[in-house]
Amino acid sequence: MDADSVSNLEGFSWSEENIFARAFFSSPAFLAIIEPDSGRHVAANEAYCKLLDTSLKEILGRTLSELGIVPLDPRVAGPEEMFRMAGTRVFEVHLKTGAGEHKYVSFSTDVIETRGKRYAVSSGLDVTERKRMEEALRQGADRFKAIFDNVSVGIAQVGPDGRILTANPHLHELLGYAPG
């Protein structure tokens, strides 16, 4: 996808010498340009198409609602609300794609004006995998804590200096010390 693959983006000059067009279309971060009043997409890069699992042709001229994108976040009233949050810096939201896939995105949106027209420019990253890893780590830590607290033998975590850093309830009981 390049600047030549998008035509008639009212108010935008995607000429070959336009460094911003090159950065927009080659960025690994997702980028979209939306009419803030209607919520209709006027441009999107390949990373944005990948995030939404749809083609540029399907995205252009349509709103997130029309694409079946549903934010699953109580802070966001509806899909188009995400693009009306101009000036928002690094906002994470959980959403469901038109294909029903759950995604987490970290994005920011700002409004620019060019040639007398206003546009919301949204950029961000798909952080779904990071969120999944964080959840797996949290679950692993919860399992470890449950085992540590409920095992029938005394266990202690000891620092390099021999000082006890953490002890489970059974060790406290065996040694006659109150936890704390």
Protein backbone atom coordinates (compact mmCIF):
# COMPACT_ATOMS: atom_id res chain seq x y z
CA MET A 1 0.00 0.00 0.00
CA ASP A 2 1.34 3.42 -0.87
CA ALA A 3 0.25 6.98 -1.50
CA ASP A 4 -0.77 6.11 -5.08
CA SER A 5 -3.22 3.44 -3.91
CA VAL A 6 -5.47 6.02 -2.27
CA SER A 7 -7.16 8.59 -4.43
CA ASN A 8 -9.27 11.66 -3.85
CA LEU A 9 -8.61 12.22 -0.15
CA GLU A 10 -10.17 15.67 -0.04
CA GLY A 11 -7.67 18.20 1.22
CA PHE A 12 -4.66 15.89 1.37
CA SER A 13 -1.66 15.96 -0.94
CA TRP A 14 -0.12 12.48 -1.10
CA SER A 15 2.54 13.39 -3.69
CA GLU A 16 5.76 11.42 -3.99
CA GLU A 17 7.76 14.16 -2.29
CA ASN A 18 5.41 14.28 0.67
CA ILE A 19 7.41 12.88 3.57
CA PHE A 20 4.32 12.65 5.73
CA ALA A 21 2.55 10.42 3.23
CA ARG A 22 5.55 8.11 3.12
CA ALA A 23 5.71 7.98 6.92
CA PHE A 24 1.94 7.44 7.14
CA PHE A 25 1.83 4.50 4.73
CA SER A 26 5.03 2.80 5.90
CA SER A 27 4.54 3.12 9.64
CA PRO A 28 4.40 -0.11 11.67
CA ALA A 29 1.99 1.71 14.01
CA PHE A 30 -1.61 1.88 12.88
CA LEU A 31 -2.70 5.24 11.50
CA ALA A 32 -6.09 6.45 10.37
CA ILE A 33 -7.51 9.78 9.30
CA ILE A 34 -11.19 10.27 10.08
CA GLU A 35 -13.69 13.04 9.53
CA PRO A 36 -14.44 13.85 13.21
CA ASP A 37 -18.05 14.92 12.67
CA SER A 38 -19.16 11.93 10.58
CA GLY A 39 -16.62 9.37 11.85
CA ARG A 40 -15.94 8.31 8.24
CA HIS A 41 -12.45 7.11 7.35
CA VAL A 42 -10.62 9.06 4.66
CA ALA A 43 -7.26 7.27 4.96
CA ALA A 44 -5.72 4.31 6.74
CA ASN A 45 -2.42 2.49 6.57
CA GLU A 46 -1.70 -1.21 6.27
CA ALA A 47 -1.25 -1.67 10.03
CA TYR A 48 -4.75 -0.25 10.59
CA CYS A 49 -6.21 -2.61 7.98
CA LYS A 50 -4.44 -5.52 9.70
CA LEU A 51 -5.75 -4.44 13.12
CA LEU A 52 -9.32 -4.38 11.85
CA ASP A 53 -8.72 -7.47 9.69
CA THR A 54 -10.21 -5.83 6.62
CA SER A 55 -9.14 -4.16 3.39
CA LEU A 56 -8.53 -0.48 2.79
CA LYS A 57 -11.36 -0.55 0.26
CA GLU A 58 -13.75 -1.74 3.00
CA ILE A 59 -12.54 0.92 5.47
CA LEU A 60 -12.56 4.08 3.34
CA GLY A 61 -15.76 6.09 3.60
CA ARG A 62 -17.14 3.96 6.43
CA THR A 63 -17.42 4.47 10.19
CA LEU A 64 -16.21 2.06 12.85
CA SER A 65 -19.84 1.19 13.60
CA GLU A 66 -20.42 0.31 9.95
CA LEU A 67 -17.33 -1.90 10.11
CA GLY A 68 -18.76 -3.70 13.16
CA ILE A 69 -16.13 -2.38 15.60
CA VAL A 70 -17.46 -2.29 19.16
CA PRO A 71 -15.49 -0.77 22.05
CA LEU A 72 -15.82 -2.96 25.16
CA ASP A 73 -14.75 -0.19 27.49
CA PRO A 74 -17.15 1.74 29.76
CA ARG A 75 -15.15 4.95 29.19
CA VAL A 76 -16.08 4.94 25.50
CA ALA A 77 -19.73 5.51 24.60
CA GLY A 78 -19.41 4.18 21.05
CA PRO A 79 -16.88 3.46 18.31
CA GLU A 80 -16.84 6.97 16.87
CA GLU A 81 -16.32 8.39 20.37
CA MET A 82 -12.74 7.08 20.20
CA PHE A 83 -11.99 9.53 17.38
CA ARG A 84 -13.77 12.42 19.04
CA MET A 85 -11.38 12.19 22.00
CA ALA A 86 -9.10 14.76 20.39
CA GLY A 87 -5.97 15.50 22.33
CA THR A 88 -6.12 12.14 24.09
CA ARG A 89 -2.66 10.83 24.72
CA VAL A 90 -2.09 7.09 24.94
CA PHE A 91 -5.51 5.76 25.74
CA GLU A 92 -5.96 1.99 25.93
CA VAL A 93 -9.23 0.45 24.90
CA HIS A 94 -10.59 -3.07 24.55
CA LEU A 95 -12.63 -3.58 21.40
CA LYS A 96 -14.26 -6.27 19.33
CA THR A 97 -13.59 -6.33 15.59
CA GLY A 98 -16.24 -6.92 12.96
CA ALA A 99 -15.00 -10.53 12.80
CA GLY A 100 -15.66 -10.90 16.55
CA GLU A 101 -12.01 -10.92 17.59
CA HIS A 102 -11.12 -9.17 20.84
CA LYS A 103 -8.27 -6.66 20.56
CA TYR A 104 -6.57 -4.21 22.89
CA VAL A 105 -5.22 -1.03 21.37
CA SER A 106 -3.16 1.78 22.78
CA PHE A 107 -3.80 4.92 20.75
CA SER A 108 -3.89 8.66 20.68
CA THR A 109 -6.04 10.97 18.60
CA ASP A 110 -5.70 14.59 17.71
CA VAL A 111 -7.55 16.93 15.39
CA ILE A 112 -5.70 18.72 12.63
CA GLU A 113 -6.94 21.28 10.17
CA THR A 114 -5.70 21.40 6.61
CA ARG A 115 -7.07 23.42 3.72
CA GLY A 116 -10.05 24.44 5.78
CA LYS A 117 -11.12 20.92 6.75
CA ARG A 118 -10.83 19.22 10.14
CA TYR A 119 -9.63 15.63 10.51
CA ALA A 120 -9.04 13.35 13.46
CA VAL A 121 -5.69 11.60 13.17
CA SER A 122 -5.45 8.46 15.24
CA SER A 123 -2.30 6.43 15.74
CA GLY A 124 -1.44 3.55 17.95
CA LEU A 125 -0.38 0.00 18.51
CA ASP A 126 -2.14 -3.32 18.85
CA VAL A 127 -1.21 -4.35 22.41
CA THR A 128 -3.36 -7.49 22.45
CA GLU A 129 -0.41 -9.87 22.80
CA ARG A 130 1.11 -7.77 25.61
CA LYS A 131 -2.23 -7.83 27.45
CA ARG A 132 -2.45 -11.61 27.03
CA MET A 133 1.08 -12.03 28.42
CA GLU A 134 0.30 -9.74 31.37
CA GLU A 135 -2.79 -11.81 32.15
CA ALA A 136 -0.81 -15.08 31.89
CA LEU A 137 1.84 -13.68 34.26
CA ARG A 138 -0.84 -12.53 36.70
CA GLN A 139 -2.48 -15.96 36.65
CA GLY A 140 0.90 -17.65 37.15
CA ALA A 141 1.66 -15.37 40.11
CA ASP A 142 -1.79 -16.11 41.59
CA ARG A 143 -1.20 -19.87 41.23
CA PHE A 144 2.23 -19.60 42.84
CA LYS A 145 0.82 -17.56 45.74
CA ALA A 146 -2.00 -20.07 46.28
CA ILE A 147 0.50 -22.95 46.41
CA PHE A 148 2.97 -21.01 48.58
CA ASP A 149 0.25 -20.00 51.07
CA ASN A 150 -1.47 -23.41 51.25
CA VAL A 151 1.31 -26.00 51.04
CA SER A 152 1.69 -28.11 54.20
CA VAL A 153 5.44 -27.49 54.55
CA GLY A 154 7.24 -24.37 55.68
CA ILE A 155 8.77 -22.35 52.85
CA ALA A 156 10.84 -19.18 53.04
CA GLN A 157 12.40 -16.92 50.45
CA VAL A 158 15.82 -15.96 51.74
CA GLY A 159 18.00 -13.09 50.52
CA PRO A 160 21.72 -13.42 49.70
CA ASP A 161 22.52 -12.17 53.22
CA GLY A 162 20.50 -15.01 54.81
CA ARG A 163 17.67 -12.72 55.89
CA ILE A 164 14.12 -14.12 55.42
CA LEU A 165 12.30 -12.01 52.84
CA THR A 166 9.02 -13.94 52.72
CA ALA A 167 7.69 -16.93 54.63
CA ASN A 168 4.53 -18.90 54.12
CA PRO A 169 1.92 -19.32 56.88
CA HIS A 170 3.01 -22.91 57.65
CA LEU A 171 6.60 -21.78 58.38
CA HIS A 172 5.29 -19.05 60.67
CA GLU A 173 3.26 -21.67 62.48
CA LEU A 174 6.22 -24.10 62.75
CA LEU A 175 8.53 -21.39 64.13
CA GLY A 176 5.89 -19.85 66.37
CA TYR A 177 6.00 -16.40 64.79
CA ALA A 178 3.04 -14.27 63.80
CA PRO A 179 3.00 -13.28 60.12
CA GLY A 180 4.04 -9.72 59.44
